[in-house]
């Protein structure tokens, strides 16, 4: 989960994802962050 969360953060920081993909990634990242917590 932490590895996937790191991948998501890198993808979002890259700024190359379309808005809809960014929102999906952000949502997945939030779920992963809650799981890790």
ModelCIF file with pLDDT and N, C-alpha, C, O atoms, coordinates in Angstrom:
data_MODEL
#
_entry.id   MODEL 
#
_entity.id                         1 
_entity.type                       polymer 
_entity.pdbx_number_of_molecules   1 
#
_entity_poly.entity_id                      1 
_entity_poly.type                           'polypeptide(L)' 
_entity_poly.nstd_linkage                   no 
_entity_poly.nstd_monomer                   no 
_entity_poly.pdbx_seq_one_letter_code       
;(UNK)(UNK)(UNK)(UNK)(UNK)(UNK)(UNK)(UNK)(UNK)(UNK)(UNK)(UNK)(UNK)(UNK)(UNK)(UNK)
(UNK)(UNK)(UNK)(UNK)(UNK)(UNK)(UNK)(UNK)(UNK)(UNK)(UNK)(UNK)(UNK)(UNK)(UNK)(UNK)
(UNK)(UNK)(UNK)(UNK)(UNK)
;
_entity_poly.pdbx_seq_one_letter_code_can   XXXXXXXXXXXXXXXXXXXXXXXXXXXXXXXXXXXXX 
_entity_poly.pdbx_strand_id                 A 
#
loop_
_entity_poly_seq.entity_id 
_entity_poly_seq.num 
_entity_poly_seq.mon_id 
_entity_poly_seq.hetero 
1 1  UNK n 
1 2  UNK n 
1 3  UNK n 
1 4  UNK n 
1 5  UNK n 
1 6  UNK n 
1 7  UNK n 
1 8  UNK n 
1 9  UNK n 
1 10 UNK n 
1 11 UNK n 
1 12 UNK n 
1 13 UNK n 
1 14 UNK n 
1 15 UNK n 
1 16 UNK n 
1 17 UNK n 
1 18 UNK n 
1 19 UNK n 
1 20 UNK n 
1 21 UNK n 
1 22 UNK n 
1 23 UNK n 
1 24 UNK n 
1 25 UNK n 
1 26 UNK n 
1 27 UNK n 
1 28 UNK n 
1 29 UNK n 
1 30 UNK n 
1 31 UNK n 
1 32 UNK n 
1 33 UNK n 
1 34 UNK n 
1 35 UNK n 
1 36 UNK n 
1 37 UNK n 
#
_struct_asym.id          A 
_struct_asym.entity_id   1 
#
loop_
_ma_qa_metric.id 
_ma_qa_metric.mode 
_ma_qa_metric.name 
_ma_qa_metric.software_group_id 
_ma_qa_metric.type 
1 global pLDDT . pLDDT 
2 local  pLDDT . pLDDT 
#
_ma_qa_metric_global.metric_id      1 
_ma_qa_metric_global.metric_value   95.95 
_ma_qa_metric_global.model_id       1 
_ma_qa_metric_global.ordinal_id     1 
#
loop_
_ma_qa_metric_local.label_asym_id 
_ma_qa_metric_local.label_comp_id 
_ma_qa_metric_local.label_seq_id 
_ma_qa_metric_local.metric_id 
_ma_qa_metric_local.metric_value 
_ma_qa_metric_local.model_id 
_ma_qa_metric_local.ordinal_id 
A UNK 1  2 96.00 1 1  
A UNK 2  2 96.00 1 2  
A UNK 3  2 96.00 1 3  
A UNK 4  2 97.00 1 4  
A UNK 5  2 97.00 1 5  
A UNK 6  2 97.00 1 6  
A UNK 7  2 96.00 1 7  
A UNK 8  2 97.00 1 8  
A UNK 9  2 96.00 1 9  
A UNK 10 2 96.00 1 10 
A UNK 11 2 95.00 1 11 
A UNK 12 2 95.00 1 12 
A UNK 13 2 95.00 1 13 
A UNK 14 2 94.00 1 14 
A UNK 15 2 91.00 1 15 
A UNK 16 2 93.00 1 16 
A UNK 17 2 92.00 1 17 
A UNK 18 2 95.00 1 18 
A UNK 19 2 96.00 1 19 
A UNK 20 2 96.00 1 20 
A UNK 21 2 96.00 1 21 
A UNK 22 2 96.00 1 22 
A UNK 23 2 97.00 1 23 
A UNK 24 2 97.00 1 24 
A UNK 25 2 97.00 1 25 
A UNK 26 2 97.00 1 26 
A UNK 27 2 98.00 1 27 
A UNK 28 2 97.00 1 28 
A UNK 29 2 97.00 1 29 
A UNK 30 2 98.00 1 30 
A UNK 31 2 97.00 1 31 
A UNK 32 2 97.00 1 32 
A UNK 33 2 97.00 1 33 
A UNK 34 2 97.00 1 34 
A UNK 35 2 96.00 1 35 
A UNK 36 2 95.00 1 36 
A UNK 37 2 95.00 1 37 
#
loop_
_atom_site.group_PDB 
_atom_site.id 
_atom_site.type_symbol 
_atom_site.label_atom_id 
_atom_site.label_alt_id 
_atom_site.label_comp_id 
_atom_site.label_asym_id 
_atom_site.label_entity_id 
_atom_site.label_seq_id 
_atom_site.pdbx_PDB_ins_code 
_atom_site.Cartn_x 
_atom_site.Cartn_y 
_atom_site.Cartn_z 
_atom_site.occupancy 
_atom_site.B_iso_or_equiv 
_atom_site.pdbx_formal_charge 
_atom_site.auth_seq_id 
_atom_site.auth_comp_id 
_atom_site.auth_asym_id 
_atom_site.auth_atom_id 
_atom_site.pdbx_PDB_model_num 
ATOM 1   N N  . UNK A 1 1  ? 0.833   -1.201 0.000   1.00 96.00 ? 1  UNK A N  1 
ATOM 2   C CA . UNK A 1 1  ? 0.000   0.000  0.000   1.00 96.00 ? 1  UNK A CA 1 
ATOM 3   C C  . UNK A 1 1  ? 0.868   1.252  0.000   1.00 96.00 ? 1  UNK A C  1 
ATOM 4   O O  . UNK A 1 1  ? 0.569   2.216  -0.705  1.00 96.00 ? 1  UNK A O  1 
ATOM 5   N N  . UNK A 1 2  ? 1.934   1.243  0.782   1.00 96.00 ? 2  UNK A N  1 
ATOM 6   C CA . UNK A 1 2  ? 2.827   2.403  0.829   1.00 96.00 ? 2  UNK A CA 1 
ATOM 7   C C  . UNK A 1 2  ? 3.528   2.601  -0.514  1.00 96.00 ? 2  UNK A C  1 
ATOM 8   O O  . UNK A 1 2  ? 3.701   3.732  -0.968  1.00 96.00 ? 2  UNK A O  1 
ATOM 9   N N  . UNK A 1 3  ? 3.926   1.511  -1.140  1.00 96.00 ? 3  UNK A N  1 
ATOM 10  C CA . UNK A 1 3  ? 4.589   1.601  -2.446  1.00 96.00 ? 3  UNK A CA 1 
ATOM 11  C C  . UNK A 1 3  ? 3.642   2.207  -3.488  1.00 96.00 ? 3  UNK A C  1 
ATOM 12  O O  . UNK A 1 3  ? 4.034   3.078  -4.265  1.00 96.00 ? 3  UNK A O  1 
ATOM 13  N N  . UNK A 1 4  ? 2.402   1.738  -3.493  1.00 97.00 ? 4  UNK A N  1 
ATOM 14  C CA . UNK A 1 4  ? 1.416   2.270  -4.437  1.00 97.00 ? 4  UNK A CA 1 
ATOM 15  C C  . UNK A 1 4  ? 1.129   3.743  -4.135  1.00 97.00 ? 4  UNK A C  1 
ATOM 16  O O  . UNK A 1 4  ? 0.975   4.549  -5.052  1.00 97.00 ? 4  UNK A O  1 
ATOM 17  N N  . UNK A 1 5  ? 1.060   4.085  -2.866  1.00 97.00 ? 5  UNK A N  1 
ATOM 18  C CA . UNK A 1 5  ? 0.821   5.473  -2.474  1.00 97.00 ? 5  UNK A CA 1 
ATOM 19  C C  . UNK A 1 5  ? 1.953   6.372  -2.966  1.00 97.00 ? 5  UNK A C  1 
ATOM 20  O O  . UNK A 1 5  ? 1.704   7.487  -3.423  1.00 97.00 ? 5  UNK A O  1 
ATOM 21  N N  . UNK A 1 6  ? 3.184   5.896  -2.875  1.00 97.00 ? 6  UNK A N  1 
ATOM 22  C CA . UNK A 1 6  ? 4.328   6.658  -3.381  1.00 97.00 ? 6  UNK A CA 1 
ATOM 23  C C  . UNK A 1 6  ? 4.229   6.857  -4.894  1.00 97.00 ? 6  UNK A C  1 
ATOM 24  O O  . UNK A 1 6  ? 4.540   7.931  -5.409  1.00 97.00 ? 6  UNK A O  1 
ATOM 25  N N  . UNK A 1 7  ? 3.790   5.808  -5.599  1.00 96.00 ? 7  UNK A N  1 
ATOM 26  C CA . UNK A 1 7  ? 3.612   5.919  -7.055  1.00 96.00 ? 7  UNK A CA 1 
ATOM 27  C C  . UNK A 1 7  ? 2.560   6.975  -7.398  1.00 96.00 ? 7  UNK A C  1 
ATOM 28  O O  . UNK A 1 7  ? 2.733   7.761  -8.329  1.00 96.00 ? 7  UNK A O  1 
ATOM 29  N N  . UNK A 1 8  ? 1.481   6.977  -6.638  1.00 97.00 ? 8  UNK A N  1 
ATOM 30  C CA . UNK A 1 8  ? 0.408   7.946  -6.872  1.00 97.00 ? 8  UNK A CA 1 
ATOM 31  C C  . UNK A 1 8  ? 0.906   9.365  -6.635  1.00 97.00 ? 8  UNK A C  1 
ATOM 32  O O  . UNK A 1 8  ? 0.631   10.268 -7.425  1.00 97.00 ? 8  UNK A O  1 
ATOM 33  N N  . UNK A 1 9  ? 1.638   9.555  -5.546  1.00 96.00 ? 9  UNK A N  1 
ATOM 34  C CA . UNK A 1 9  ? 2.161   10.881 -5.230  1.00 96.00 ? 9  UNK A CA 1 
ATOM 35  C C  . UNK A 1 9  ? 3.078   11.368 -6.352  1.00 96.00 ? 9  UNK A C  1 
ATOM 36  O O  . UNK A 1 9  ? 2.986   12.519 -6.780  1.00 96.00 ? 9  UNK A O  1 
ATOM 37  N N  . UNK A 1 10 ? 3.957   10.493 -6.822  1.00 96.00 ? 10 UNK A N  1 
ATOM 38  C CA . UNK A 1 10 ? 4.858   10.877 -7.916  1.00 96.00 ? 10 UNK A CA 1 
ATOM 39  C C  . UNK A 1 10 ? 4.079   11.248 -9.172  1.00 96.00 ? 10 UNK A C  1 
ATOM 40  O O  . UNK A 1 10 ? 4.417   12.212 -9.860  1.00 96.00 ? 10 UNK A O  1 
ATOM 41  N N  . UNK A 1 11 ? 3.035   10.477 -9.466  1.00 95.00 ? 11 UNK A N  1 
ATOM 42  C CA . UNK A 1 11 ? 2.218   10.768 -10.637 1.00 95.00 ? 11 UNK A CA 1 
ATOM 43  C C  . UNK A 1 11 ? 1.509   12.105 -10.520 1.00 95.00 ? 11 UNK A C  1 
ATOM 44  O O  . UNK A 1 11 ? 1.429   12.865 -11.485 1.00 95.00 ? 11 UNK A O  1 
ATOM 45  N N  . UNK A 1 12 ? 0.997   12.383 -9.333  1.00 95.00 ? 12 UNK A N  1 
ATOM 46  C CA . UNK A 1 12 ? 0.302   13.656 -9.122  1.00 95.00 ? 12 UNK A CA 1 
ATOM 47  C C  . UNK A 1 12 ? 1.275   14.831 -9.139  1.00 95.00 ? 12 UNK A C  1 
ATOM 48  O O  . UNK A 1 12 ? 0.957   15.898 -9.663  1.00 95.00 ? 12 UNK A O  1 
ATOM 49  N N  . UNK A 1 13 ? 2.450   14.636 -8.570  1.00 95.00 ? 13 UNK A N  1 
ATOM 50  C CA . UNK A 1 13 ? 3.448   15.709 -8.559  1.00 95.00 ? 13 UNK A CA 1 
ATOM 51  C C  . UNK A 1 13 ? 3.968   16.005 -9.966  1.00 95.00 ? 13 UNK A C  1 
ATOM 52  O O  . UNK A 1 13 ? 4.378   17.128 -10.259 1.00 95.00 ? 13 UNK A O  1 
ATOM 53  N N  . UNK A 1 14 ? 3.948   14.994 -10.831 1.00 94.00 ? 14 UNK A N  1 
ATOM 54  C CA . UNK A 1 14 ? 4.416   15.182 -12.198 1.00 94.00 ? 14 UNK A CA 1 
ATOM 55  C C  . UNK A 1 14 ? 3.541   16.147 -12.977 1.00 94.00 ? 14 UNK A C  1 
ATOM 56  O O  . UNK A 1 14 ? 4.012   16.800 -13.907 1.00 94.00 ? 14 UNK A O  1 
ATOM 57  N N  . UNK A 1 15 ? 2.272   16.242 -12.606 1.00 91.00 ? 15 UNK A N  1 
ATOM 58  C CA . UNK A 1 15 ? 1.369   17.188 -13.227 1.00 91.00 ? 15 UNK A CA 1 
ATOM 59  C C  . UNK A 1 15 ? 1.008   16.873 -14.663 1.00 91.00 ? 15 UNK A C  1 
ATOM 60  O O  . UNK A 1 15 ? 0.495   17.743 -15.368 1.00 91.00 ? 15 UNK A O  1 
ATOM 61  N N  . UNK A 1 16 ? 1.259   15.659 -15.117 1.00 93.00 ? 16 UNK A N  1 
ATOM 62  C CA . UNK A 1 16 ? 0.993   15.315 -16.510 1.00 93.00 ? 16 UNK A CA 1 
ATOM 63  C C  . UNK A 1 16 ? -0.309  14.535 -16.695 1.00 93.00 ? 16 UNK A C  1 
ATOM 64  O O  . UNK A 1 16 ? -0.692  14.231 -17.825 1.00 93.00 ? 16 UNK A O  1 
ATOM 65  N N  . UNK A 1 17 ? -0.990  14.211 -15.596 1.00 92.00 ? 17 UNK A N  1 
ATOM 66  C CA . UNK A 1 17 ? -2.230  13.455 -15.702 1.00 92.00 ? 17 UNK A CA 1 
ATOM 67  C C  . UNK A 1 17 ? -3.396  14.388 -16.016 1.00 92.00 ? 17 UNK A C  1 
ATOM 68  O O  . UNK A 1 17 ? -3.430  15.523 -15.541 1.00 92.00 ? 17 UNK A O  1 
ATOM 69  N N  . UNK A 1 18 ? -4.343  13.916 -16.807 1.00 95.00 ? 18 UNK A N  1 
ATOM 70  C CA . UNK A 1 18 ? -5.560  14.700 -17.010 1.00 95.00 ? 18 UNK A CA 1 
ATOM 71  C C  . UNK A 1 18 ? -6.304  14.849 -15.676 1.00 95.00 ? 18 UNK A C  1 
ATOM 72  O O  . UNK A 1 18 ? -6.106  14.053 -14.757 1.00 95.00 ? 18 UNK A O  1 
ATOM 73  N N  . UNK A 1 19 ? -7.143  15.852 -15.579 1.00 96.00 ? 19 UNK A N  1 
ATOM 74  C CA . UNK A 1 19 ? -7.842  16.136 -14.331 1.00 96.00 ? 19 UNK A CA 1 
ATOM 75  C C  . UNK A 1 19 ? -8.621  14.927 -13.823 1.00 96.00 ? 19 UNK A C  1 
ATOM 76  O O  . UNK A 1 19 ? -8.559  14.612 -12.635 1.00 96.00 ? 19 UNK A O  1 
ATOM 77  N N  . UNK A 1 20 ? -9.346  14.254 -14.694 1.00 96.00 ? 20 UNK A N  1 
ATOM 78  C CA . UNK A 1 20 ? -10.151 13.107 -14.253 1.00 96.00 ? 20 UNK A CA 1 
ATOM 79  C C  . UNK A 1 20 ? -9.269  11.995 -13.690 1.00 96.00 ? 20 UNK A C  1 
ATOM 80  O O  . UNK A 1 20 ? -9.628  11.367 -12.695 1.00 96.00 ? 20 UNK A O  1 
ATOM 81  N N  . UNK A 1 21 ? -8.119  11.747 -14.319 1.00 96.00 ? 21 UNK A N  1 
ATOM 82  C CA . UNK A 1 21 ? -7.189  10.730 -13.815 1.00 96.00 ? 21 UNK A CA 1 
ATOM 83  C C  . UNK A 1 21 ? -6.550  11.172 -12.497 1.00 96.00 ? 21 UNK A C  1 
ATOM 84  O O  . UNK A 1 21 ? -6.317  10.360 -11.601 1.00 96.00 ? 21 UNK A O  1 
ATOM 85  N N  . UNK A 1 22 ? -6.274  12.459 -12.396 1.00 96.00 ? 22 UNK A N  1 
ATOM 86  C CA . UNK A 1 22 ? -5.713  12.996 -11.155 1.00 96.00 ? 22 UNK A CA 1 
ATOM 87  C C  . UNK A 1 22 ? -6.686  12.802 -9.998  1.00 96.00 ? 22 UNK A C  1 
ATOM 88  O O  . UNK A 1 22 ? -6.285  12.432 -8.895  1.00 96.00 ? 22 UNK A O  1 
ATOM 89  N N  . UNK A 1 23 ? -7.965  13.054 -10.256 1.00 97.00 ? 23 UNK A N  1 
ATOM 90  C CA . UNK A 1 23 ? -8.976  12.882 -9.202  1.00 97.00 ? 23 UNK A CA 1 
ATOM 91  C C  . UNK A 1 23 ? -9.103  11.426 -8.794  1.00 97.00 ? 23 UNK A C  1 
ATOM 92  O O  . UNK A 1 23 ? -9.223  11.122 -7.607  1.00 97.00 ? 23 UNK A O  1 
ATOM 93  N N  . UNK A 1 24 ? -9.077  10.518 -9.767  1.00 97.00 ? 24 UNK A N  1 
ATOM 94  C CA . UNK A 1 24 ? -9.136  9.082  -9.451  1.00 97.00 ? 24 UNK A CA 1 
ATOM 95  C C  . UNK A 1 24 ? -7.917  8.665  -8.636  1.00 97.00 ? 24 UNK A C  1 
ATOM 96  O O  . UNK A 1 24 ? -8.041  7.919  -7.665  1.00 97.00 ? 24 UNK A O  1 
ATOM 97  N N  . UNK A 1 25 ? -6.746  9.145  -9.029  1.00 97.00 ? 25 UNK A N  1 
ATOM 98  C CA . UNK A 1 25 ? -5.518  8.815  -8.301  1.00 97.00 ? 25 UNK A CA 1 
ATOM 99  C C  . UNK A 1 25 ? -5.555  9.380  -6.887  1.00 97.00 ? 25 UNK A C  1 
ATOM 100 O O  . UNK A 1 25 ? -5.149  8.723  -5.928  1.00 97.00 ? 25 UNK A O  1 
ATOM 101 N N  . UNK A 1 26 ? -6.051  10.613 -6.776  1.00 97.00 ? 26 UNK A N  1 
ATOM 102 C CA . UNK A 1 26 ? -6.140  11.238 -5.456  1.00 97.00 ? 26 UNK A CA 1 
ATOM 103 C C  . UNK A 1 26 ? -7.067  10.437 -4.547  1.00 97.00 ? 26 UNK A C  1 
ATOM 104 O O  . UNK A 1 26 ? -6.758  10.214 -3.376  1.00 97.00 ? 26 UNK A O  1 
ATOM 105 N N  . UNK A 1 27 ? -8.208  10.005 -5.094  1.00 98.00 ? 27 UNK A N  1 
ATOM 106 C CA . UNK A 1 27 ? -9.156  9.215  -4.313  1.00 98.00 ? 27 UNK A CA 1 
ATOM 107 C C  . UNK A 1 27 ? -8.523  7.886  -3.876  1.00 98.00 ? 27 UNK A C  1 
ATOM 108 O O  . UNK A 1 27 ? -8.664  7.475  -2.724  1.00 98.00 ? 27 UNK A O  1 
ATOM 109 N N  . UNK A 1 28 ? -7.837  7.232  -4.792  1.00 97.00 ? 28 UNK A N  1 
ATOM 110 C CA . UNK A 1 28 ? -7.159  5.982  -4.440  1.00 97.00 ? 28 UNK A CA 1 
ATOM 111 C C  . UNK A 1 28 ? -6.098  6.235  -3.376  1.00 97.00 ? 28 UNK A C  1 
ATOM 112 O O  . UNK A 1 28 ? -5.944  5.448  -2.441  1.00 97.00 ? 28 UNK A O  1 
ATOM 113 N N  . UNK A 1 29 ? -5.375  7.328  -3.521  1.00 97.00 ? 29 UNK A N  1 
ATOM 114 C CA . UNK A 1 29 ? -4.353  7.677  -2.542  1.00 97.00 ? 29 UNK A CA 1 
ATOM 115 C C  . UNK A 1 29 ? -4.931  7.921  -1.157  1.00 97.00 ? 29 UNK A C  1 
ATOM 116 O O  . UNK A 1 29 ? -4.345  7.514  -0.154  1.00 97.00 ? 29 UNK A O  1 
ATOM 117 N N  . UNK A 1 30 ? -6.070  8.580  -1.101  1.00 98.00 ? 30 UNK A N  1 
ATOM 118 C CA . UNK A 1 30 ? -6.714  8.816  0.195   1.00 98.00 ? 30 UNK A CA 1 
ATOM 119 C C  . UNK A 1 30 ? -7.136  7.511  0.841   1.00 98.00 ? 30 UNK A C  1 
ATOM 120 O O  . UNK A 1 30 ? -6.976  7.332  2.048   1.00 98.00 ? 30 UNK A O  1 
ATOM 121 N N  . UNK A 1 31 ? -7.679  6.589  0.039   1.00 97.00 ? 31 UNK A N  1 
ATOM 122 C CA . UNK A 1 31 ? -8.057  5.272  0.568   1.00 97.00 ? 31 UNK A CA 1 
ATOM 123 C C  . UNK A 1 31 ? -6.828  4.523  1.096   1.00 97.00 ? 31 UNK A C  1 
ATOM 124 O O  . UNK A 1 31 ? -6.875  3.909  2.162   1.00 97.00 ? 31 UNK A O  1 
ATOM 125 N N  . UNK A 1 32 ? -5.740  4.581  0.344   1.00 97.00 ? 32 UNK A N  1 
ATOM 126 C CA . UNK A 1 32 ? -4.511  3.922  0.776   1.00 97.00 ? 32 UNK A CA 1 
ATOM 127 C C  . UNK A 1 32 ? -3.946  4.559  2.041   1.00 97.00 ? 32 UNK A C  1 
ATOM 128 O O  . UNK A 1 32 ? -3.460  3.856  2.927   1.00 97.00 ? 32 UNK A O  1 
ATOM 129 N N  . UNK A 1 33 ? -4.007  5.888  2.128   1.00 97.00 ? 33 UNK A N  1 
ATOM 130 C CA . UNK A 1 33 ? -3.508  6.581  3.316   1.00 97.00 ? 33 UNK A CA 1 
ATOM 131 C C  . UNK A 1 33 ? -4.321  6.179  4.551   1.00 97.00 ? 33 UNK A C  1 
ATOM 132 O O  . UNK A 1 33 ? -3.757  5.987  5.627   1.00 97.00 ? 33 UNK A O  1 
ATOM 133 N N  . UNK A 1 34 ? -5.629  6.055  4.401   1.00 97.00 ? 34 UNK A N  1 
ATOM 134 C CA . UNK A 1 34 ? -6.480  5.622  5.518   1.00 97.00 ? 34 UNK A CA 1 
ATOM 135 C C  . UNK A 1 34 ? -6.146  4.195  5.917   1.00 97.00 ? 34 UNK A C  1 
ATOM 136 O O  . UNK A 1 34 ? -6.052  3.883  7.105   1.00 97.00 ? 34 UNK A O  1 
ATOM 137 N N  . UNK A 1 35 ? -5.963  3.319  4.917   1.00 96.00 ? 35 UNK A N  1 
ATOM 138 C CA . UNK A 1 35 ? -5.604  1.936  5.188   1.00 96.00 ? 35 UNK A CA 1 
ATOM 139 C C  . UNK A 1 35 ? -4.287  1.866  5.968   1.00 96.00 ? 35 UNK A C  1 
ATOM 140 O O  . UNK A 1 35 ? -4.186  1.159  6.971   1.00 96.00 ? 35 UNK A O  1 
ATOM 141 N N  . UNK A 1 36 ? -3.278  2.610  5.495   1.00 95.00 ? 36 UNK A N  1 
ATOM 142 C CA . UNK A 1 36 ? -1.968  2.598  6.154   1.00 95.00 ? 36 UNK A CA 1 
ATOM 143 C C  . UNK A 1 36 ? -2.064  3.143  7.576   1.00 95.00 ? 36 UNK A C  1 
ATOM 144 O O  . UNK A 1 36 ? -1.421  2.631  8.493   1.00 95.00 ? 36 UNK A O  1 
ATOM 145 N N  . UNK A 1 37 ? -2.857  4.166  7.744   1.00 95.00 ? 37 UNK A N  1 
ATOM 146 C CA . UNK A 1 37 ? -3.033  4.743  9.075   1.00 95.00 ? 37 UNK A CA 1 
ATOM 147 C C  . UNK A 1 37 ? -3.665  3.724  10.031  1.00 95.00 ? 37 UNK A C  1 
ATOM 148 O O  . UNK A 1 37 ? -3.890  4.032  11.201  1.00 95.00 ? 37 UNK A O  1 
#
